[in-house]
């Protein structure tokens, strides 16, 4: 049975689930969530995911939300992207770092800077978030100074988590060329067979609403 990933192209959290699905070899299809039309607040979507968030993976009777949980489900089904037994807690550590320090700030800041009407953008909040993000970028860039992947010798869920927002073109305080090690690491991800940009992998983009 084909898995369904309920997602939308603008969502970095959705990308964190869609990319490992695409590279895993599992049979899956994306299902567009009309986030900007209010779908995640509607009863139909909340009957599938009471948390009211994308991504949501449906595999038969299994309904799994939160990108980190979906990544682990993919790993459990395929044996891929979890790292070695010795690495598994380090992978988890970086997934949690991303969720709390990187993607949480990047996603919110990108939304405030690009997807709210200009007169409703809270500049004080944006400026605070931008400062937090610079600290997170430095932590990641420093870690990657002597390594090709965040954990171990190959791509893991740590990489899929931390790259989730970093391929998007909209401004949110990230300049790829200003972080040499992150830039090199993102190029490693782009070179993976089957890699796709989030707007090519999932339905929905700002151009659709232009």
C-alpha atoms as a PDB file:
ATOM      1  CA  UNK A   1       0.000   0.000   0.000  1.00  0.00           C
ATOM      2  CA  UNK A   2       1.282   3.455  -0.913  1.00  0.00           C
ATOM      3  CA  UNK A   3       1.992   5.668   2.059  1.00  0.00           C
ATOM      4  CA  UNK A   4       0.582   9.183   2.050  1.00  0.00           C
ATOM      5  CA  UNK A   5       2.522  12.132   3.362  1.00  0.00           C
ATOM      6  CA  UNK A   6       0.192  15.050   4.006  1.00  0.00           C
ATOM      7  CA  UNK A   7       2.467  18.021   3.460  1.00  0.00           C
ATOM      8  CA  UNK A   8       2.987  21.268   1.584  1.00  0.00           C
ATOM      9  CA  UNK A   9       5.959  22.647  -0.254  1.00  0.00           C
ATOM     10  CA  UNK A  10       6.490  25.719   1.900  1.00  0.00           C
ATOM     11  CA  UNK A  11       6.882  23.598   5.041  1.00  0.00           C
ATOM     12  CA  UNK A  12      10.431  22.809   6.092  1.00  0.00           C
ATOM     13  CA  UNK A  13       9.066  20.397   8.664  1.00  0.00           C
ATOM     14  CA  UNK A  14       7.277  18.534   5.889  1.00  0.00           C
ATOM     15  CA  UNK A  15      10.502  18.466   3.894  1.00  0.00           C
ATOM     16  CA  UNK A  16      12.261  16.782   6.814  1.00  0.00           C
ATOM     17  CA  UNK A  17       9.877  13.859   6.329  1.00  0.00           C
ATOM     18  CA  UNK A  18       9.487  13.967   2.538  1.00  0.00           C
ATOM     19  CA  UNK A  19      13.204  13.883   1.750  1.00  0.00           C
ATOM     20  CA  UNK A  20      14.038  10.670   3.661  1.00  0.00           C
ATOM     21  CA  UNK A  21      10.877   9.095   2.247  1.00  0.00           C
ATOM     22  CA  UNK A  22      12.030   9.951  -1.269  1.00  0.00           C
ATOM     23  CA  UNK A  23      15.542   8.621  -0.666  1.00  0.00           C
ATOM     24  CA  UNK A  24      14.450   5.520   1.250  1.00  0.00           C
ATOM     25  CA  UNK A  25      12.896   3.653  -1.682  1.00  0.00           C
ATOM     26  CA  UNK A  26       9.552   3.328   0.109  1.00  0.00           C
ATOM     27  CA  UNK A  27       6.341   3.657  -1.893  1.00  0.00           C
ATOM     28  CA  UNK A  28       4.816   7.011  -0.982  1.00  0.00           C
ATOM     29  CA  UNK A  29       2.911   9.914  -2.429  1.00  0.00           C
ATOM     30  CA  UNK A  30       2.535  13.516  -1.252  1.00  0.00           C
ATOM     31  CA  UNK A  31      -0.928  14.863  -0.460  1.00  0.00           C
ATOM     32  CA  UNK A  32      -1.187  18.643  -0.411  1.00  0.00           C
ATOM     33  CA  UNK A  33      -2.317  20.273   2.796  1.00  0.00           C
ATOM     34  CA  UNK A  34      -3.829  23.693   2.059  1.00  0.00           C
ATOM     35  CA  UNK A  35      -2.193  25.305   5.067  1.00  0.00           C
ATOM     36  CA  UNK A  36      -2.696  28.866   3.811  1.00  0.00           C
ATOM     37  CA  UNK A  37      -6.359  28.085   3.190  1.00  0.00           C
ATOM     38  CA  UNK A  38      -6.796  27.012   6.797  1.00  0.00           C
ATOM     39  CA  UNK A  39      -6.908  23.237   6.231  1.00  0.00           C
ATOM     40  CA  UNK A  40      -4.911  22.354   9.360  1.00  0.00           C
ATOM     41  CA  UNK A  41      -7.473  24.199  11.493  1.00  0.00           C
ATOM     42  CA  UNK A  42     -10.412  22.357   9.954  1.00  0.00           C
ATOM     43  CA  UNK A  43     -12.214  19.373  11.410  1.00  0.00           C
ATOM     44  CA  UNK A  44     -11.442  17.133   8.422  1.00  0.00           C
ATOM     45  CA  UNK A  45      -7.689  17.411   8.886  1.00  0.00           C
ATOM     46  CA  UNK A  46      -7.878  17.349  12.678  1.00  0.00           C
ATOM     47  CA  UNK A  47      -9.775  14.090  12.504  1.00  0.00           C
ATOM     48  CA  UNK A  48      -6.602  12.681  10.936  1.00  0.00           C
ATOM     49  CA  UNK A  49      -4.145  14.593  13.126  1.00  0.00           C
ATOM     50  CA  UNK A  50      -5.543  16.185  16.299  1.00  0.00           C
ATOM     51  CA  UNK A  51      -2.305  18.187  16.616  1.00  0.00           C
ATOM     52  CA  UNK A  52      -3.385  20.089  13.500  1.00  0.00           C
ATOM     53  CA  UNK A  53       0.074  20.103  11.934  1.00  0.00           C
ATOM     54  CA  UNK A  54       1.834  18.957   8.789  1.00  0.00           C
ATOM     55  CA  UNK A  55       3.531  16.647   8.055  1.00  0.00           C
ATOM     56  CA  UNK A  56       1.314  13.669   8.694  1.00  0.00           C
ATOM     57  CA  UNK A  57       2.275  10.208   7.443  1.00  0.00           C
ATOM     58  CA  UNK A  58      -0.495   7.675   6.862  1.00  0.00           C
ATOM     59  CA  UNK A  59       0.580   4.075   6.353  1.00  0.00           C
ATOM     60  CA  UNK A  60      -2.458   1.829   6.554  1.00  0.00           C
ATOM     61  CA  UNK A  61      -3.826   2.234  10.062  1.00  0.00           C
ATOM     62  CA  UNK A  62      -0.749   4.153  11.213  1.00  0.00           C
ATOM     63  CA  UNK A  63      -1.074   7.918  11.510  1.00  0.00           C
ATOM     64  CA  UNK A  64       2.245   9.524  12.485  1.00  0.00           C
ATOM     65  CA  UNK A  65       2.856  13.234  12.912  1.00  0.00           C
ATOM     66  CA  UNK A  66       5.963  15.217  13.871  1.00  0.00           C
ATOM     67  CA  UNK A  67       8.880  14.987  11.457  1.00  0.00           C
ATOM     68  CA  UNK A  68      11.255  13.322  13.911  1.00  0.00           C
ATOM     69  CA  UNK A  69       8.778  10.534  14.606  1.00  0.00           C
ATOM     70  CA  UNK A  70       8.200  10.055  10.873  1.00  0.00           C
ATOM     71  CA  UNK A  71      11.954   9.881  10.291  1.00  0.00           C
ATOM     72  CA  UNK A  72      12.277   7.191  12.941  1.00  0.00           C
ATOM     73  CA  UNK A  73       9.398   5.246  11.376  1.00  0.00           C
ATOM     74  CA  UNK A  74      11.199   5.317   8.021  1.00  0.00           C
ATOM     75  CA  UNK A  75      14.388   4.132   9.722  1.00  0.00           C
ATOM     76  CA  UNK A  76      12.565   1.307  11.494  1.00  0.00           C
ATOM     77  CA  UNK A  77      10.981   0.139   8.226  1.00  0.00           C
ATOM     78  CA  UNK A  78      14.108   0.356   6.074  1.00  0.00           C
ATOM     79  CA  UNK A  79      17.126   0.268   8.381  1.00  0.00           C
ATOM     80  CA  UNK A  80      18.326   3.497   6.737  1.00  0.00           C
ATOM     81  CA  UNK A  81      19.346   6.888   8.109  1.00  0.00           C
ATOM     82  CA  UNK A  82      19.562   5.917  11.767  1.00  0.00           C
ATOM     83  CA  UNK A  83      23.336   5.701  11.928  1.00  0.00           C
ATOM     84  CA  UNK A  84      25.160   2.905  13.679  1.00  0.00           C
ATOM     85  CA  UNK A  85      24.042   1.534  17.031  1.00  0.00           C
ATOM     86  CA  UNK A  86      26.761   3.615  18.660  1.00  0.00           C
ATOM     87  CA  UNK A  87      25.552   6.737  16.823  1.00  0.00           C
ATOM     88  CA  UNK A  88      21.810   6.559  17.503  1.00  0.00           C
ATOM     89  CA  UNK A  89      21.780   8.854  20.516  1.00  0.00           C
ATOM     90  CA  UNK A  90      23.983  11.384  18.760  1.00  0.00           C
ATOM     91  CA  UNK A  91      21.547  11.361  15.832  1.00  0.00           C
ATOM     92  CA  UNK A  92      18.695  11.944  18.271  1.00  0.00           C
ATOM     93  CA  UNK A  93      20.664  14.720  19.980  1.00  0.00           C
ATOM     94  CA  UNK A  94      20.977  16.627  16.700  1.00  0.00           C
ATOM     95  CA  UNK A  95      17.340  16.033  15.755  1.00  0.00           C
ATOM     96  CA  UNK A  96      16.358  17.588  19.082  1.00  0.00           C
ATOM     97  CA  UNK A  97      18.863  20.421  18.616  1.00  0.00           C
ATOM     98  CA  UNK A  98      17.273  21.167  15.271  1.00  0.00           C
ATOM     99  CA  UNK A  99      13.725  21.016  16.625  1.00  0.00           C
ATOM    100  CA  UNK A 100      14.482  23.382  19.509  1.00  0.00           C
ATOM    101  CA  UNK A 101      17.208  25.691  18.223  1.00  0.00           C
ATOM    102  CA  UNK A 102      17.208  25.681  14.427  1.00  0.00           C
ATOM    103  CA  UNK A 103      13.993  24.733  12.639  1.00  0.00           C
ATOM    104  CA  UNK A 104      11.750  26.198  15.320  1.00  0.00           C
ATOM    105  CA  UNK A 105      13.423  29.589  14.898  1.00  0.00           C
ATOM    106  CA  UNK A 106      13.900  29.331  11.123  1.00  0.00           C
ATOM    107  CA  UNK A 107      10.318  28.292  10.432  1.00  0.00           C
ATOM    108  CA  UNK A 108       8.785  30.999  12.585  1.00  0.00           C
ATOM    109  CA  UNK A 109      11.105  33.710  11.310  1.00  0.00           C
ATOM    110  CA  UNK A 110      10.592  32.767   7.671  1.00  0.00           C
ATOM    111  CA  UNK A 111       6.817  32.838   8.190  1.00  0.00           C
ATOM    112  CA  UNK A 112       6.901  36.233   9.898  1.00  0.00           C
ATOM    113  CA  UNK A 113       9.209  37.755   7.291  1.00  0.00           C
ATOM    114  CA  UNK A 114       7.543  36.378   4.158  1.00  0.00           C
ATOM    115  CA  UNK A 115       4.031  35.059   4.679  1.00  0.00           C
ATOM    116  CA  UNK A 116       2.438  37.757   6.851  1.00  0.00           C
ATOM    117  CA  UNK A 117       1.249  41.053   5.371  1.00  0.00           C
ATOM    118  CA  UNK A 118       4.083  43.545   5.656  1.00  0.00           C
ATOM    119  CA  UNK A 119       2.219  45.796   8.087  1.00  0.00           C
ATOM    120  CA  UNK A 120       1.661  42.873  10.482  1.00  0.00           C
ATOM    121  CA  UNK A 121       5.277  41.698  10.726  1.00  0.00           C
ATOM    122  CA  UNK A 122       6.534  42.085  14.331  1.00  0.00           C
ATOM    123  CA  UNK A 123      10.026  43.450  13.776  1.00  0.00           C
ATOM    124  CA  UNK A 124      11.071  43.144  17.426  1.00  0.00           C
ATOM    125  CA  UNK A 125      10.253  39.426  17.394  1.00  0.00           C
ATOM    126  CA  UNK A 126      11.955  38.960  14.033  1.00  0.00           C
ATOM    127  CA  UNK A 127      15.125  40.666  15.261  1.00  0.00           C
ATOM    128  CA  UNK A 128      15.210  38.514  18.398  1.00  0.00           C
ATOM    129  CA  UNK A 129      14.760  35.346  16.360  1.00  0.00           C
ATOM    130  CA  UNK A 130      17.467  36.362  13.920  1.00  0.00           C
ATOM    131  CA  UNK A 131      19.926  36.621  16.788  1.00  0.00           C
ATOM    132  CA  UNK A 132      18.994  33.163  18.043  1.00  0.00           C
ATOM    133  CA  UNK A 133      19.372  31.767  14.539  1.00  0.00           C
ATOM    134  CA  UNK A 134      22.871  33.146  14.068  1.00  0.00           C
ATOM    135  CA  UNK A 135      23.947  31.265  17.197  1.00  0.00           C
ATOM    136  CA  UNK A 136      22.403  28.046  15.858  1.00  0.00           C
ATOM    137  CA  UNK A 137      24.042  28.466  12.447  1.00  0.00           C
ATOM    138  CA  UNK A 138      27.413  28.929  14.143  1.00  0.00           C
ATOM    139  CA  UNK A 139      26.952  25.799  16.244  1.00  0.00           C
ATOM    140  CA  UNK A 140      26.176  23.754  13.142  1.00  0.00           C
ATOM    141  CA  UNK A 141      28.898  25.337  11.011  1.00  0.00           C
ATOM    142  CA  UNK A 142      31.538  24.769  13.699  1.00  0.00           C
ATOM    143  CA  UNK A 143      30.475  21.142  14.092  1.00  0.00           C
ATOM    144  CA  UNK A 144      30.792  20.536  10.346  1.00  0.00           C
ATOM    145  CA  UNK A 145      34.286  22.011  10.107  1.00  0.00           C
ATOM    146  CA  UNK A 146      35.968  18.598  10.068  1.00  0.00           C
ATOM    147  CA  UNK A 147      33.187  16.320   8.832  1.00  0.00           C
ATOM    148  CA  UNK A 148      30.978  15.703   5.809  1.00  0.00           C
ATOM    149  CA  UNK A 149      27.883  14.633   7.753  1.00  0.00           C
ATOM    150  CA  UNK A 150      26.512  15.658  11.129  1.00  0.00           C
ATOM    151  CA  UNK A 151      26.865  12.176  12.624  1.00  0.00           C
ATOM    152  CA  UNK A 152      29.011   9.324  11.352  1.00  0.00           C
ATOM    153  CA  UNK A 153      30.143   8.674   7.805  1.00  0.00           C
ATOM    154  CA  UNK A 154      26.860   8.993   5.922  1.00  0.00           C
ATOM    155  CA  UNK A 155      23.569  10.822   5.800  1.00  0.00           C
ATOM    156  CA  UNK A 156      21.275  10.331   8.801  1.00  0.00           C
ATOM    157  CA  UNK A 157      18.116  11.793  10.239  1.00  0.00           C
ATOM    158  CA  UNK A 158      20.320  14.403  11.888  1.00  0.00           C
ATOM    159  CA  UNK A 159      21.117  15.790   8.435  1.00  0.00           C
ATOM    160  CA  UNK A 160      17.515  15.577   7.224  1.00  0.00           C
ATOM    161  CA  UNK A 161      16.353  17.479  10.293  1.00  0.00           C
ATOM    162  CA  UNK A 162      18.932  20.227  10.259  1.00  0.00           C
ATOM    163  CA  UNK A 163      18.688  20.892   6.513  1.00  0.00           C
ATOM    164  CA  UNK A 164      14.904  21.167   6.605  1.00  0.00           C
ATOM    165  CA  UNK A 165      14.690  24.916   6.095  1.00  0.00           C
ATOM    166  CA  UNK A 166      18.111  25.672   4.670  1.00  0.00           C
ATOM    167  CA  UNK A 167      17.290  25.052   0.994  1.00  0.00           C
ATOM    168  CA  UNK A 168      14.475  27.624   0.900  1.00  0.00           C
ATOM    169  CA  UNK A 169      15.100  30.837  -1.053  1.00  0.00           C
ATOM    170  CA  UNK A 170      12.970  33.198   1.065  1.00  0.00           C
ATOM    171  CA  UNK A 171      14.883  35.408   3.531  1.00  0.00           C
ATOM    172  CA  UNK A 172      15.023  34.286   7.158  1.00  0.00           C
ATOM    173  CA  UNK A 173      18.502  35.269   8.239  1.00  0.00           C
ATOM    174  CA  UNK A 174      20.396  32.501   6.462  1.00  0.00           C
ATOM    175  CA  UNK A 175      23.057  33.229   3.871  1.00  0.00           C
ATOM    176  CA  UNK A 176      24.418  29.907   2.681  1.00  0.00           C
ATOM    177  CA  UNK A 177      27.569  31.446   1.261  1.00  0.00           C
ATOM    178  CA  UNK A 178      28.415  32.986   4.627  1.00  0.00           C
ATOM    179  CA  UNK A 179      28.794  29.561   6.251  1.00  0.00           C
ATOM    180  CA  UNK A 180      31.448  27.582   4.382  1.00  0.00           C
ATOM    181  CA  UNK A 181      30.981  24.311   6.238  1.00  0.00           C
ATOM    182  CA  UNK A 182      27.191  24.372   6.059  1.00  0.00           C
ATOM    183  CA  UNK A 183      27.447  25.229   2.364  1.00  0.00           C
ATOM    184  CA  UNK A 184      29.679  22.214   1.723  1.00  0.00           C
ATOM    185  CA  UNK A 185      27.395  19.945   3.753  1.00  0.00           C
ATOM    186  CA  UNK A 186      24.291  21.116   1.883  1.00  0.00           C
ATOM    187  CA  UNK A 187      26.106  20.360  -1.374  1.00  0.00           C
ATOM    188  CA  UNK A 188      26.697  16.823  -0.053  1.00  0.00           C
ATOM    189  CA  UNK A 189      22.962  16.451   0.509  1.00  0.00           C
ATOM    190  CA  UNK A 190      22.184  17.854  -2.951  1.00  0.00           C
ATOM    191  CA  UNK A 191      24.513  15.233  -4.449  1.00  0.00           C
ATOM    192  CA  UNK A 192      22.549  12.315  -2.949  1.00  0.00           C
ATOM    193  CA  UNK A 193      20.886  10.261  -5.729  1.00  0.00           C
ATOM    194  CA  UNK A 194      17.238  11.241  -5.867  1.00  0.00           C
ATOM    195  CA  UNK A 195      17.613  14.537  -3.975  1.00  0.00           C
ATOM    196  CA  UNK A 196      14.961  17.133  -4.793  1.00  0.00           C
ATOM    197  CA  UNK A 197      14.398  20.710  -3.708  1.00  0.00           C
ATOM    198  CA  UNK A 198      11.363  21.085  -1.408  1.00  0.00           C
ATOM    199  CA  UNK A 199       9.352  22.932  -4.055  1.00  0.00           C
ATOM    200  CA  UNK A 200      10.019  20.093  -6.500  1.00  0.00           C
ATOM    201  CA  UNK A 201       9.367  17.301  -4.010  1.00  0.00           C
ATOM    202  CA  UNK A 202       6.093  18.496  -2.462  1.00  0.00           C
ATOM    203  CA  UNK A 203       3.022  20.280  -3.841  1.00  0.00           C
ATOM    204  CA  UNK A 204       2.647  23.972  -3.077  1.00  0.00           C
ATOM    205  CA  UNK A 205       4.899  27.025  -3.338  1.00  0.00           C
ATOM    206  CA  UNK A 206       4.570  30.800  -2.956  1.00  0.00           C
ATOM    207  CA  UNK A 207       4.332  31.054  -6.741  1.00  0.00           C
ATOM    208  CA  UNK A 208       1.007  29.227  -6.581  1.00  0.00           C
ATOM    209  CA  UNK A 209      -0.454  32.084  -4.535  1.00  0.00           C
ATOM    210  CA  UNK A 210       1.204  34.939  -6.431  1.00  0.00           C
END
